[in-house]
Amino acid sequence: MKSRHVIGPGAAALLYVASSAAMAQNAPPTYQADPSVYKIILENENFRVIEAIRKVGVHDKVHSHPVPSVVIELTDCTGKLYNADGTTRVNNNKAGAVSAVPIIAAHSAENIGTTDCHEIFVERK
C-alpha cells in the first residue's frame, strides 16, 4: 500500500515564507543583485563606490548591504523600502543629504516619486 502526503494550504504558505526568508538572508550585494540600478564606479583595496540610479517607478531586486556604508543623495527622491520581514517604510530623501547605512541582510527599494533617485554609496572594504 502506497502512502501519500498532501501539504495543506497553511503548510505550503509556511514553506514559502520560510524559503523566502532564507533567500532574503542570502541576498547578494546591490551591484550583483541589480546591475541595472547599481554600478561600481570605483573600487580599490580600501573602498568600493557604487552609483545607484533608480528611475521613476523602478522597484529594484532584493539585495543586501553586507558592510556598513555611507550614502550621498544626489537628487530629491521619494522611495519605499521593503524589508525582509514584510514591513515597509517611505523615505523622502533630499539632495545633498548624507547618512550612514548599517549592514542590511536583505531588502528592496521602489522609486515612488516623480524624479529619478540618484545616490552614491561608499563602502569600506
PDB file of N, CA and C in Angstrom:
ATOM      1  N   MET A   1       0.838  -1.170   0.000  1.00  0.00           N
ATOM      2  CA  MET A   1       0.000   0.000   0.000  1.00  0.00           C
ATOM      3  C   MET A   1       0.887   1.240   0.000  1.00  0.00           C
ATOM      4  N   LYS A   2       0.641   2.133  -0.909  1.00  0.00           N
ATOM      5  CA  LYS A   2       1.434   3.357  -1.002  1.00  0.00           C
ATOM      6  C   LYS A   2       0.806   4.436  -0.136  1.00  0.00           C
ATOM      7  N   SER A   3       1.673   5.189   0.491  1.00  0.00           N
ATOM      8  CA  SER A   3       1.212   6.286   1.343  1.00  0.00           C
ATOM      9  C   SER A   3       1.471   7.606   0.629  1.00  0.00           C
ATOM     10  N   ARG A   4       0.519   8.482   0.658  1.00  0.00           N
ATOM     11  CA  ARG A   4       0.669   9.798   0.041  1.00  0.00           C
ATOM     12  C   ARG A   4       0.541  10.867   1.113  1.00  0.00           C
ATOM     13  N   HIS A   5       1.352  11.869   0.986  1.00  0.00           N
ATOM     14  CA  HIS A   5       1.288  13.001   1.919  1.00  0.00           C
ATOM     15  C   HIS A   5       0.898  14.236   1.123  1.00  0.00           C
ATOM     16  N   VAL A   6      -0.069  14.927   1.612  1.00  0.00           N
ATOM     17  CA  VAL A   6      -0.543  16.146   0.950  1.00  0.00           C
ATOM     18  C   VAL A   6      -0.255  17.316   1.874  1.00  0.00           C
ATOM     19  N   ILE A   7       0.328  18.359   1.300  1.00  0.00           N
ATOM     20  CA  ILE A   7       0.612  19.558   2.076  1.00  0.00           C
ATOM     21  C   ILE A   7      -0.590  20.486   1.938  1.00  0.00           C
ATOM     22  N   GLY A   8      -1.149  20.872   3.058  1.00  0.00           N
ATOM     23  CA  GLY A   8      -2.282  21.779   3.055  1.00  0.00           C
ATOM     24  C   GLY A   8      -1.854  23.189   2.726  1.00  0.00           C
ATOM     25  N   PRO A   9      -2.814  24.065   2.445  1.00  0.00           N
ATOM     26  CA  PRO A   9      -2.501  25.458   2.092  1.00  0.00           C
ATOM     27  C   PRO A   9      -1.693  26.182   3.161  1.00  0.00           C
ATOM     28  N   GLY A  10      -2.002  25.945   4.427  1.00  0.00           N
ATOM     29  CA  GLY A  10      -1.260  26.613   5.502  1.00  0.00           C
ATOM     30  C   GLY A  10       0.190  26.171   5.540  1.00  0.00           C
ATOM     31  N   ALA A  11       0.409  24.871   5.387  1.00  0.00           N
ATOM     32  CA  ALA A  11       1.780  24.344   5.387  1.00  0.00           C
ATOM     33  C   ALA A  11       2.542  24.842   4.172  1.00  0.00           C
ATOM     34  N   ALA A  12       1.876  24.895   3.030  1.00  0.00           N
ATOM     35  CA  ALA A  12       2.524  25.397   1.816  1.00  0.00           C
ATOM     36  C   ALA A  12       2.925  26.857   1.990  1.00  0.00           C
ATOM     37  N   ALA A  13       2.051  27.656   2.592  1.00  0.00           N
ATOM     38  CA  ALA A  13       2.362  29.072   2.825  1.00  0.00           C
ATOM     39  C   ALA A  13       3.544  29.206   3.775  1.00  0.00           C
ATOM     40  N   LEU A  14       3.569  28.369   4.811  1.00  0.00           N
ATOM     41  CA  LEU A  14       4.680  28.407   5.771  1.00  0.00           C
ATOM     42  C   LEU A  14       5.992  28.054   5.092  1.00  0.00           C
ATOM     43  N   LEU A  15       5.976  27.047   4.226  1.00  0.00           N
ATOM     44  CA  LEU A  15       7.188  26.677   3.487  1.00  0.00           C
ATOM     45  C   LEU A  15       7.642  27.817   2.586  1.00  0.00           C
ATOM     46  N   TYR A  16       6.677  28.489   1.941  1.00  0.00           N
ATOM     47  CA  TYR A  16       7.019  29.610   1.067  1.00  0.00           C
ATOM     48  C   TYR A  16       7.670  30.737   1.862  1.00  0.00           C
ATOM     49  N   VAL A  17       7.090  31.089   2.997  1.00  0.00           N
ATOM     50  CA  VAL A  17       7.633  32.155   3.830  1.00  0.00           C
ATOM     51  C   VAL A  17       9.022  31.781   4.322  1.00  0.00           C
ATOM     52  N   ALA A  18       9.188  30.532   4.765  1.00  0.00           N
ATOM     53  CA  ALA A  18      10.493  30.090   5.271  1.00  0.00           C
ATOM     54  C   ALA A  18      11.536  30.136   4.164  1.00  0.00           C
ATOM     55  N   SER A  19      11.187  29.686   2.962  1.00  0.00           N
ATOM     56  CA  SER A  19      12.161  29.700   1.879  1.00  0.00           C
ATOM     57  C   SER A  19      12.442  31.126   1.429  1.00  0.00           C
ATOM     58  N   SER A  20      11.433  32.006   1.442  1.00  0.00           N
ATOM     59  CA  SER A  20      11.657  33.409   1.080  1.00  0.00           C
ATOM     60  C   SER A  20      12.587  34.073   2.083  1.00  0.00           C
ATOM     61  N   ALA A  21      12.384  33.786   3.365  1.00  0.00           N
ATOM     62  CA  ALA A  21      13.253  34.360   4.392  1.00  0.00           C
ATOM     63  C   ALA A  21      14.676  33.859   4.230  1.00  0.00           C
ATOM     64  N   ALA A  22      14.828  32.578   3.912  1.00  0.00           N
ATOM     65  CA  ALA A  22      16.172  32.029   3.717  1.00  0.00           C
ATOM     66  C   ALA A  22      16.841  32.684   2.519  1.00  0.00           C
ATOM     67  N   MET A  23      16.084  32.873   1.435  1.00  0.00           N
ATOM     68  CA  MET A  23      16.654  33.524   0.264  1.00  0.00           C
ATOM     69  C   MET A  23      17.016  34.968   0.589  1.00  0.00           C
ATOM     70  N   ALA A  24      16.191  35.631   1.359  1.00  0.00           N
ATOM     71  CA  ALA A  24      16.451  37.028   1.694  1.00  0.00           C
ATOM     72  C   ALA A  24      17.730  37.164   2.503  1.00  0.00           C
ATOM     73  N   GLN A  25      17.988  36.209   3.392  1.00  0.00           N
ATOM     74  CA  GLN A  25      19.198  36.270   4.206  1.00  0.00           C
ATOM     75  C   GLN A  25      20.442  36.084   3.353  1.00  0.00           C
ATOM     76  N   ASN A  26      20.293  35.476   2.197  1.00  0.00           N
ATOM     77  CA  ASN A  26      21.419  35.242   1.307  1.00  0.00           C
ATOM     78  C   ASN A  26      21.405  36.192   0.116  1.00  0.00           C
ATOM     79  N   ALA A  27      20.753  37.312   0.239  1.00  0.00           N
ATOM     80  CA  ALA A  27      20.644  38.252  -0.872  1.00  0.00           C
ATOM     81  C   ALA A  27      22.026  38.773  -1.257  1.00  0.00           C
ATOM     82  N   PRO A  28      22.287  38.856  -2.548  1.00  0.00           N
ATOM     83  CA  PRO A  28      23.577  39.377  -2.999  1.00  0.00           C
ATOM     84  C   PRO A  28      23.665  40.886  -2.767  1.00  0.00           C
ATOM     85  N   PRO A  29      24.890  41.421  -2.781  1.00  0.00           N
ATOM     86  CA  PRO A  29      25.034  42.871  -2.627  1.00  0.00           C
ATOM     87  C   PRO A  29      24.405  43.607  -3.813  1.00  0.00           C
ATOM     88  N   THR A  30      24.162  44.885  -3.609  1.00  0.00           N
ATOM     89  CA  THR A  30      23.452  45.724  -4.578  1.00  0.00           C
ATOM     90  C   THR A  30      23.900  45.519  -6.016  1.00  0.00           C
ATOM     91  N   TYR A  31      25.183  45.699  -6.269  1.00  0.00           N
ATOM     92  CA  TYR A  31      25.729  45.691  -7.622  1.00  0.00           C
ATOM     93  C   TYR A  31      25.646  44.318  -8.289  1.00  0.00           C
ATOM     94  N   GLN A  32      25.553  43.244  -7.499  1.00  0.00           N
ATOM     95  CA  GLN A  32      25.368  41.907  -8.075  1.00  0.00           C
ATOM     96  C   GLN A  32      23.890  41.596  -8.265  1.00  0.00           C
ATOM     97  N   ALA A  33      23.057  42.045  -7.331  1.00  0.00           N
ATOM     98  CA  ALA A  33      21.624  41.739  -7.379  1.00  0.00           C
ATOM     99  C   ALA A  33      20.918  42.468  -8.509  1.00  0.00           C
ATOM    100  N   ASP A  34      21.284  43.716  -8.739  1.00  0.00           N
ATOM    101  CA  ASP A  34      20.568  44.501  -9.748  1.00  0.00           C
ATOM    102  C   ASP A  34      21.507  45.491 -10.444  1.00  0.00           C
ATOM    103  N   PRO A  35      22.338  44.974 -11.374  1.00  0.00           N
ATOM    104  CA  PRO A  35      23.281  45.859 -12.071  1.00  0.00           C
ATOM    105  C   PRO A  35      22.617  46.893 -12.973  1.00  0.00           C
ATOM    106  N   SER A  36      21.308  46.766 -13.207  1.00  0.00           N
ATOM    107  CA  SER A  36      20.630  47.804 -13.987  1.00  0.00           C
ATOM    108  C   SER A  36      20.415  49.062 -13.154  1.00  0.00           C
ATOM    109  N   VAL A  37      20.506  48.943 -11.814  1.00  0.00           N
ATOM    110  CA  VAL A  37      20.337  50.077 -10.907  1.00  0.00           C
ATOM    111  C   VAL A  37      21.663  50.465 -10.254  1.00  0.00           C
ATOM    112  N   TYR A  38      22.462  49.475  -9.846  1.00  0.00           N
ATOM    113  CA  TYR A  38      23.681  49.705  -9.060  1.00  0.00           C
ATOM    114  C   TYR A  38      24.916  49.368  -9.882  1.00  0.00           C
ATOM    115  N   LYS A  39      25.843  50.329  -9.988  1.00  0.00           N
ATOM    116  CA  LYS A  39      27.072  50.124 -10.751  1.00  0.00           C
ATOM    117  C   LYS A  39      28.280  50.552  -9.919  1.00  0.00           C
ATOM    118  N   ILE A  40      29.297  49.714  -9.911  1.00  0.00           N
ATOM    119  CA  ILE A  40      30.549  50.080  -9.247  1.00  0.00           C
ATOM    120  C   ILE A  40      31.245  51.111 -10.128  1.00  0.00           C
ATOM    121  N   ILE A  41      31.546  52.283  -9.541  1.00  0.00           N
ATOM    122  CA  ILE A  41      32.226  53.323 -10.322  1.00  0.00           C
ATOM    123  C   ILE A  41      33.668  53.513  -9.870  1.00  0.00           C
ATOM    124  N   LEU A  42      34.030  52.939  -8.720  1.00  0.00           N
ATOM    125  CA  LEU A  42      35.423  52.952  -8.258  1.00  0.00           C
ATOM    126  C   LEU A  42      35.583  51.805  -7.275  1.00  0.00           C
ATOM    127  N   GLU A  43      36.678  51.097  -7.405  1.00  0.00           N
ATOM    128  CA  GLU A  43      36.983  50.043  -6.441  1.00  0.00           C
ATOM    129  C   GLU A  43      38.487  49.902  -6.343  1.00  0.00           C
ATOM    130  N   ASN A  44      38.974  49.840  -5.099  1.00  0.00           N
ATOM    131  CA  ASN A  44      40.379  49.561  -4.858  1.00  0.00           C
ATOM    132  C   ASN A  44      40.477  48.675  -3.616  1.00  0.00           C
ATOM    133  N   GLU A  45      41.656  48.556  -3.058  1.00  0.00           N
ATOM    134  CA  GLU A  45      41.826  47.662  -1.905  1.00  0.00           C
ATOM    135  C   GLU A  45      41.145  48.185  -0.639  1.00  0.00           C
ATOM    136  N   ASN A  46      40.771  49.456  -0.619  1.00  0.00           N
ATOM    137  CA  ASN A  46      40.169  50.051   0.575  1.00  0.00           C
ATOM    138  C   ASN A  46      38.678  50.368   0.464  1.00  0.00           C
ATOM    139  N   PHE A  47      38.236  50.757  -0.733  1.00  0.00           N
ATOM    140  CA  PHE A  47      36.870  51.243  -0.878  1.00  0.00           C
ATOM    141  C   PHE A  47      36.186  50.687  -2.126  1.00  0.00           C
ATOM    142  N   ARG A  48      34.864  50.674  -2.065  1.00  0.00           N
ATOM    143  CA  ARG A  48      34.023  50.401  -3.228  1.00  0.00           C
ATOM    144  C   ARG A  48      33.002  51.540  -3.267  1.00  0.00           C
ATOM    145  N   VAL A  49      32.896  52.193  -4.424  1.00  0.00           N
ATOM    146  CA  VAL A  49      31.934  53.281  -4.602  1.00  0.00           C
ATOM    147  C   VAL A  49      30.910  52.807  -5.632  1.00  0.00           C
ATOM    148  N   ILE A  50      29.642  52.876  -5.231  1.00  0.00           N
ATOM    149  CA  ILE A  50      28.552  52.354  -6.058  1.00  0.00           C
ATOM    150  C   ILE A  50      27.592  53.491  -6.397  1.00  0.00           C
ATOM    151  N   GLU A  51      27.316  53.651  -7.674  1.00  0.00           N
ATOM    152  CA  GLU A  51      26.322  54.624  -8.114  1.00  0.00           C
ATOM    153  C   GLU A  51      24.991  53.898  -8.285  1.00  0.00           C
ATOM    154  N   ALA A  52      23.945  54.479  -7.735  1.00  0.00           N
ATOM    155  CA  ALA A  52      22.603  53.924  -7.880  1.00  0.00           C
ATOM    156  C   ALA A  52      21.717  54.935  -8.585  1.00  0.00           C
ATOM    157  N   ILE A  53      21.084  54.502  -9.663  1.00  0.00           N
ATOM    158  CA  ILE A  53      20.092  55.327 -10.352  1.00  0.00           C
ATOM    159  C   ILE A  53      18.831  54.477 -10.465  1.00  0.00           C
ATOM    160  N   ARG A  54      17.832  54.863  -9.679  1.00  0.00           N
ATOM    161  CA  ARG A  54      16.548  54.158  -9.674  1.00  0.00           C
ATOM    162  C   ARG A  54      15.548  55.078 -10.362  1.00  0.00           C
ATOM    163  N   LYS A  55      15.189  54.734 -11.581  1.00  0.00           N
ATOM    164  CA  LYS A  55      14.275  55.569 -12.368  1.00  0.00           C
ATOM    165  C   LYS A  55      12.869  55.557 -11.751  1.00  0.00           C
ATOM    166  N   VAL A  56      12.078  56.542 -12.114  1.00  0.00           N
ATOM    167  CA  VAL A  56      10.702  56.656 -11.617  1.00  0.00           C
ATOM    168  C   VAL A  56       9.974  55.334 -11.874  1.00  0.00           C
ATOM    169  N   GLY A  57       9.345  54.795 -10.831  1.00  0.00           N
ATOM    170  CA  GLY A  57       8.570  53.571 -10.950  1.00  0.00           C
ATOM    171  C   GLY A  57       9.360  52.283 -10.825  1.00  0.00           C
ATOM    172  N   VAL A  58      10.686  52.370 -10.803  1.00  0.00           N
ATOM    173  CA  VAL A  58      11.506  51.153 -10.726  1.00  0.00           C
ATOM    174  C   VAL A  58      11.521  50.605  -9.307  1.00  0.00           C
ATOM    175  N   HIS A  59      11.303  49.300  -9.199  1.00  0.00           N
ATOM    176  CA  HIS A  59      11.417  48.568  -7.935  1.00  0.00           C
ATOM    177  C   HIS A  59      12.593  47.620  -8.125  1.00  0.00           C
ATOM    178  N   ASP A  60      13.695  47.896  -7.441  1.00  0.00           N
ATOM    179  CA  ASP A  60      14.892  47.086  -7.659  1.00  0.00           C
ATOM    180  C   ASP A  60      14.742  45.689  -7.058  1.00  0.00           C
ATOM    181  N   LYS A  61      15.697  44.833  -7.392  1.00  0.00           N
ATOM    182  CA  LYS A  61      15.679  43.448  -6.923  1.00  0.00           C
ATOM    183  C   LYS A  61      16.155  43.377  -5.479  1.00  0.00           C
ATOM    184  N   VAL A  62      15.747  42.333  -4.787  1.00  0.00           N
ATOM    185  CA  VAL A  62      16.172  42.136  -3.400  1.00  0.00           C
ATOM    186  C   VAL A  62      17.690  42.080  -3.357  1.00  0.00           C
ATOM    187  N   HIS A  63      18.265  42.853  -2.449  1.00  0.00           N
ATOM    188  CA  HIS A  63      19.711  42.944  -2.327  1.00  0.00           C
ATOM    189  C   HIS A  63      20.089  43.164  -0.862  1.00  0.00           C
ATOM    190  N   SER A  64      21.392  43.119  -0.609  1.00  0.00           N
ATOM    191  CA  SER A  64      21.891  43.359   0.744  1.00  0.00           C
ATOM    192  C   SER A  64      22.908  44.492   0.728  1.00  0.00           C
ATOM    193  N   HIS A  65      23.191  44.966   1.919  1.00  0.00           N
ATOM    194  CA  HIS A  65      24.310  45.870   2.157  1.00  0.00           C
ATOM    195  C   HIS A  65      25.169  45.114   3.173  1.00  0.00           C
ATOM    196  N   PRO A  66      26.140  44.312   2.691  1.00  0.00           N
ATOM    197  CA  PRO A  66      26.881  43.406   3.574  1.00  0.00           C
ATOM    198  C   PRO A  66      27.900  44.084   4.488  1.00  0.00           C
ATOM    199  N   VAL A  67      28.195  45.337   4.210  1.00  0.00           N
ATOM    200  CA  VAL A  67      29.102  46.106   5.073  1.00  0.00           C
ATOM    201  C   VAL A  67      28.485  47.475   5.320  1.00  0.00           C
ATOM    202  N   PRO A  68      28.821  48.123   6.428  1.00  0.00           N
ATOM    203  CA  PRO A  68      28.312  49.483   6.645  1.00  0.00           C
ATOM    204  C   PRO A  68      28.798  50.401   5.519  1.00  0.00           C
ATOM    205  N   SER A  69      28.000  51.378   5.189  1.00  0.00           N
ATOM    206  CA  SER A  69      28.380  52.305   4.128  1.00  0.00           C
ATOM    207  C   SER A  69      27.830  53.693   4.424  1.00  0.00           C
ATOM    208  N   VAL A  70      28.224  54.617   3.584  1.00  0.00           N
ATOM    209  CA  VAL A  70      27.709  55.983   3.623  1.00  0.00           C
ATOM    210  C   VAL A  70      26.991  56.199   2.302  1.00  0.00           C
ATOM    211  N   VAL A  71      25.810  56.826   2.348  1.00  0.00           N
ATOM    212  CA  VAL A  71      25.079  57.124   1.122  1.00  0.00           C
ATOM    213  C   VAL A  71      24.917  58.640   1.002  1.00  0.00           C
ATOM    214  N   ILE A  72      25.183  59.119  -0.203  1.00  0.00           N
ATOM    215  CA  ILE A  72      25.037  60.537  -0.516  1.00  0.00           C
ATOM    216  C   ILE A  72      23.892  60.651  -1.516  1.00  0.00           C
ATOM    217  N   GLU A  73      22.883  61.449  -1.179  1.00  0.00           N
ATOM    218  CA  GLU A  73      21.734  61.648  -2.060  1.00  0.00           C
ATOM    219  C   GLU A  73      22.074  62.754  -3.054  1.00  0.00           C
ATOM    220  N   LEU A  74      22.028  62.450  -4.338  1.00  0.00           N
ATOM    221  CA  LEU A  74      22.341  63.444  -5.356  1.00  0.00           C
ATOM    222  C   LEU A  74      21.092  64.156  -5.872  1.00  0.00           C
ATOM    223  N   THR A  75      19.926  63.548  -5.653  1.00  0.00           N
ATOM    224  CA  THR A  75      18.660  64.155  -6.081  1.00  0.00           C
ATOM    225  C   THR A  75      17.632  64.010  -4.958  1.00  0.00           C
ATOM    226  N   ASP A  76      16.618  64.850  -4.993  1.00  0.00           N
ATOM    227  CA  ASP A  76      15.465  64.625  -4.119  1.00  0.00           C
ATOM    228  C   ASP A  76      14.796  63.347  -4.601  1.00  0.00           C
ATOM    229  N   CYS A  77      14.332  62.542  -3.679  1.00  0.00           N
ATOM    230  CA  CYS A  77      13.783  61.250  -4.065  1.00  0.00           C
ATOM    231  C   CYS A  77      12.809  60.736  -3.016  1.00  0.00           C
ATOM    232  N   THR A  78      11.700  60.183  -3.474  1.00  0.00           N
ATOM    233  CA  THR A  78      10.755  59.520  -2.583  1.00  0.00           C
ATOM    234  C   THR A  78      10.796  58.035  -2.905  1.00  0.00           C
ATOM    235  N   GLY A  79      11.194  57.263  -1.918  1.00  0.00           N
ATOM    236  CA  GLY A  79      11.313  55.827  -2.121  1.00  0.00           C
ATOM    237  C   GLY A  79      10.564  55.047  -1.071  1.00  0.00           C
ATOM    238  N   LYS A  80      10.203  53.844  -1.439  1.00  0.00           N
ATOM    239  CA  LYS A  80       9.547  52.932  -0.496  1.00  0.00           C
ATOM    240  C   LYS A  80      10.468  51.733  -0.313  1.00  0.00           C
ATOM    241  N   LEU A  81      10.832  51.465   0.941  1.00  0.00           N
ATOM    242  CA  LEU A  81      11.693  50.337   1.263  1.00  0.00           C
ATOM    243  C   LEU A  81      10.849  49.158   1.703  1.00  0.00           C
ATOM    244  N   TYR A  82      11.189  47.994   1.190  1.00  0.00           N
ATOM    245  CA  TYR A  82      10.513  46.739   1.520  1.00  0.00           C
ATOM    246  C   TYR A  82      11.504  45.866   2.282  1.00  0.00           C
ATOM    247  N   ASN A  83      11.255  45.661   3.556  1.00  0.00           N
ATOM    248  CA  ASN A  83      12.150  44.867   4.398  1.00  0.00           C
ATOM    249  C   ASN A  83      11.832  43.381   4.273  1.00  0.00           C
ATOM    250  N   ALA A  84      12.820  42.555   4.605  1.00  0.00           N
ATOM    251  CA  ALA A  84      12.669  41.106   4.505  1.00  0.00           C
ATOM    252  C   ALA A  84      11.551  40.585   5.406  1.00  0.00           C
ATOM    253  N   ASP A  85      11.260  41.299   6.487  1.00  0.00           N
ATOM    254  CA  ASP A  85      10.209  40.850   7.412  1.00  0.00           C
ATOM    255  C   ASP A  85       8.804  41.257   6.962  1.00  0.00           C
ATOM    256  N   GLY A  86       8.707  41.878   5.778  1.00  0.00           N
ATOM    257  CA  GLY A  86       7.402  42.268   5.239  1.00  0.00           C
ATOM    258  C   GLY A  86       6.991  43.694   5.557  1.00  0.00           C
ATOM    259  N   THR A  87       7.733  44.368   6.423  1.00  0.00           N
ATOM    260  CA  THR A  87       7.396  45.759   6.739  1.00  0.00           C
ATOM    261  C   THR A  87       7.898  46.672   5.623  1.00  0.00           C
ATOM    262  N   THR A  88       7.286  47.844   5.537  1.00  0.00           N
ATOM    263  CA  THR A  88       7.701  48.841   4.548  1.00  0.00           C
ATOM    264  C   THR A  88       7.804  50.192   5.225  1.00  0.00           C
ATOM    265  N   ARG A  89       8.517  51.109   4.571  1.00  0.00           N
ATOM    266  CA  ARG A  89       8.551  52.488   5.038  1.00  0.00           C
ATOM    267  C   ARG A  89       8.884  53.387   3.850  1.00  0.00           C
ATOM    268  N   VAL A  90       8.394  54.612   3.924  1.00  0.00           N
ATOM    269  CA  VAL A  90       8.638  55.587   2.866  1.00  0.00           C
ATOM    270  C   VAL A  90       9.724  56.545   3.335  1.00  0.00           C
ATOM    271  N   ASN A  91      10.682  56.805   2.449  1.00  0.00           N
ATOM    272  CA  ASN A  91      11.749  57.773   2.713  1.00  0.00           C
ATOM    273  C   ASN A  91      11.592  58.944   1.760  1.00  0.00           C
ATOM    274  N   ASN A  92      11.732  60.145   2.279  1.00  0.00           N
ATOM    275  CA  ASN A  92      11.772  61.355   1.462  1.00  0.00           C
ATOM    276  C   ASN A  92      13.177  61.929   1.581  1.00  0.00           C
ATOM    277  N   ASN A  93      14.059  61.494   0.684  1.00  0.00           N
ATOM    278  CA  ASN A  93      15.457  61.915   0.728  1.00  0.00           C
ATOM    279  C   ASN A  93      15.636  63.231  -0.025  1.00  0.00           C
ATOM    280  N   LYS A  94      16.489  64.079   0.516  1.00  0.00           N
ATOM    281  CA  LYS A  94      16.770  65.379  -0.089  1.00  0.00           C
ATOM    282  C   LYS A  94      18.174  65.391  -0.677  1.00  0.00           C
ATOM    283  N   ALA A  95      18.322  66.004  -1.832  1.00  0.00           N
ATOM    284  CA  ALA A  95      19.632  66.126  -2.470  1.00  0.00           C
ATOM    285  C   ALA A  95      20.623  66.750  -1.491  1.00  0.00           C
ATOM    286  N   GLY A  96      21.797  66.184  -1.416  1.00  0.00           N
ATOM    287  CA  GLY A  96      22.833  66.683  -0.520  1.00  0.00           C
ATOM    288  C   GLY A  96      22.867  65.990   0.823  1.00  0.00           C
ATOM    289  N   ALA A  97      21.825  65.265   1.157  1.00  0.00           N
ATOM    290  CA  ALA A  97      21.795  64.547   2.442  1.00  0.00           C
ATOM    291  C   ALA A  97      22.812  63.408   2.422  1.00  0.00           C
ATOM    292  N   VAL A  98      23.441  63.205   3.560  1.00  0.00           N
ATOM    293  CA  VAL A  98      24.414  62.132   3.728  1.00  0.00           C
ATOM    294  C   VAL A  98      24.013  61.346   4.966  1.00  0.00           C
ATOM    295  N   SER A  99      23.996  60.024   4.845  1.00  0.00           N
ATOM    296  CA  SER A  99      23.628  59.209   6.005  1.00  0.00           C
ATOM    297  C   SER A  99      24.427  57.917   6.031  1.00  0.00           C
ATOM    298  N   ALA A 100      24.462  57.321   7.199  1.00  0.00           N
ATOM    299  CA  ALA A 100      25.130  56.033   7.383  1.00  0.00           C
ATOM    300  C   ALA A 100      24.124  54.922   7.155  1.00  0.00           C
ATOM    301  N   VAL A 101      24.542  53.895   6.428  1.00  0.00           N
ATOM    302  CA  VAL A 101      23.705  52.724   6.173  1.00  0.00           C
ATOM    303  C   VAL A 101      24.320  51.556   6.936  1.00  0.00           C
ATOM    304  N   PRO A 102      23.557  50.927   7.820  1.00  0.00           N
ATOM    305  CA  PRO A 102      24.085  49.776   8.549  1.00  0.00           C
ATOM    306  C   PRO A 102      24.117  48.539   7.648  1.00  0.00           C
ATOM    307  N   ILE A 103      24.654  47.461   8.157  1.00  0.00           N
ATOM    308  CA  ILE A 103      24.563  46.186   7.456  1.00  0.00           C
ATOM    309  C   ILE A 103      23.083  45.824   7.366  1.00  0.00           C
ATOM    310  N   ILE A 104      22.634  45.498   6.165  1.00  0.00           N
ATOM    311  CA  ILE A 104      21.243  45.097   5.944  1.00  0.00           C
ATOM    312  C   ILE A 104      21.279  43.778   5.174  1.00  0.00           C
ATOM    313  N   ALA A 105      20.688  42.736   5.761  1.00  0.00           N
ATOM    314  CA  ALA A 105      20.728  41.409   5.147  1.00  0.00           C
ATOM    315  C   ALA A 105      19.984  41.373   3.821  1.00  0.00           C
ATOM    316  N   ALA A 106      18.809  41.957   3.774  1.00  0.00           N
ATOM    317  CA  ALA A 106      18.035  41.915   2.533  1.00  0.00           C
ATOM    318  C   ALA A 106      16.895  42.918   2.578  1.00  0.00           C
ATOM    319  N   HIS A 107      16.677  43.572   1.461  1.00  0.00           N
ATOM    320  CA  HIS A 107      15.540  44.457   1.279  1.00  0.00           C
ATOM    321  C   HIS A 107      15.495  44.859  -0.186  1.00  0.00           C
ATOM    322  N   SER A 108      14.487  45.608  -0.562  1.00  0.00           N
ATOM    323  CA  SER A 108      14.431  46.179  -1.900  1.00  0.00           C
ATOM    324  C   SER A 108      13.865  47.586  -1.769  1.00  0.00           C
ATOM    325  N   ALA A 109      13.991  48.358  -2.833  1.00  0.00           N
ATOM    326  CA  ALA A 109      13.523  49.741  -2.805  1.00  0.00           C
ATOM    327  C   ALA A 109      12.793  50.058  -4.103  1.00  0.00           C
ATOM    328  N   GLU A 110      11.781  50.900  -3.980  1.00  0.00           N
ATOM    329  CA  GLU A 110      10.992  51.315  -5.132  1.00  0.00           C
ATOM    330  C   GLU A 110      10.966  52.836  -5.182  1.00  0.00           C
ATOM    331  N   ASN A 111      11.164  53.386  -6.364  1.00  0.00           N
ATOM    332  CA  ASN A 111      11.053  54.830  -6.551  1.00  0.00           C
ATOM    333  C   ASN A 111       9.582  55.145  -6.780  1.00  0.00           C
ATOM    334  N   ILE A 112       8.947  55.737  -5.768  1.00  0.00           N
ATOM    335  CA  ILE A 112       7.523  56.072  -5.880  1.00  0.00           C
ATOM    336  C   ILE A 112       7.313  57.569  -6.124  1.00  0.00           C
ATOM    337  N   GLY A 113       8.399  58.269  -6.388  1.00  0.00           N
ATOM    338  CA  GLY A 113       8.320  59.706  -6.608  1.00  0.00           C
ATOM    339  C   GLY A 113       8.157  60.064  -8.065  1.00  0.00           C
ATOM    340  N   THR A 114       8.424  61.325  -8.359  1.00  0.00           N
ATOM    341  CA  THR A 114       8.248  61.844  -9.721  1.00  0.00           C
ATOM    342  C   THR A 114       9.573  62.150 -10.410  1.00  0.00           C
ATOM    343  N   THR A 115      10.688  61.899  -9.712  1.00  0.00           N
ATOM    344  CA  THR A 115      12.008  62.117 -10.297  1.00  0.00           C
ATOM    345  C   THR A 115      12.874  60.884 -10.046  1.00  0.00           C
ATOM    346  N   ASP A 116      13.901  60.710 -10.873  1.00  0.00           N
ATOM    347  CA  ASP A 116      14.819  59.597 -10.675  1.00  0.00           C
ATOM    348  C   ASP A 116      15.574  59.767  -9.361  1.00  0.00           C
ATOM    349  N   CYS A 117      15.828  58.656  -8.698  1.00  0.00           N
ATOM    350  CA  CYS A 117      16.633  58.660  -7.476  1.00  0.00           C
ATOM    351  C   CYS A 117      18.082  58.399  -7.875  1.00  0.00           C
ATOM    352  N   HIS A 118      18.974  59.290  -7.494  1.00  0.00           N
ATOM    353  CA  HIS A 118      20.393  59.151  -7.830  1.00  0.00           C
ATOM    354  C   HIS A 118      21.183  59.224  -6.528  1.00  0.00           C
ATOM    355  N   GLU A 119      21.922  58.157  -6.225  1.00  0.00           N
ATOM    356  CA  GLU A 119      22.658  58.058  -4.963  1.00  0.00           C
ATOM    357  C   GLU A 119      24.052  57.513  -5.208  1.00  0.00           C
ATOM    358  N   ILE A 120      24.936  57.814  -4.285  1.00  0.00           N
ATOM    359  CA  ILE A 120      26.277  57.238  -4.268  1.00  0.00           C
ATOM    360  C   ILE A 120      26.481  56.543  -2.925  1.00  0.00           C
ATOM    361  N   PHE A 121      26.861  55.276  -2.953  1.00  0.00           N
ATOM    362  CA  PHE A 121      27.190  54.513  -1.748  1.00  0.00           C
ATOM    363  C   PHE A 121      28.705  54.349  -1.683  1.00  0.00           C
ATOM    364  N   VAL A 122      29.286  54.599  -0.527  1.00  0.00           N
ATOM    365  CA  VAL A 122      30.710  54.380  -0.319  1.00  0.00           C
ATOM    366  C   VAL A 122      30.849  53.319   0.764  1.00  0.00           C
ATOM    367  N   GLU A 123      31.485  52.206   0.379  1.00  0.00           N
ATOM    368  CA  GLU A 123      31.694  51.089   1.309  1.00  0.00           C
ATOM    369  C   GLU A 123      33.177  50.927   1.581  1.00  0.00           C
ATOM    370  N   ARG A 124      33.525  50.724   2.827  1.00  0.00           N
ATOM    371  CA  ARG A 124      34.910  50.391   3.177  1.00  0.00           C
ATOM    372  C   ARG A 124      35.059  48.881   3.085  1.00  0.00           C
ATOM    373  N   LYS A 125      36.128  48.447   2.468  1.00  0.00           N
ATOM    374  CA  LYS A 125      36.334  47.000   2.293  1.00  0.00           C
ATOM    375  C   LYS A 125      37.073  46.392   3.466  1.00  0.00           C
TER     376      LYS A 125
END
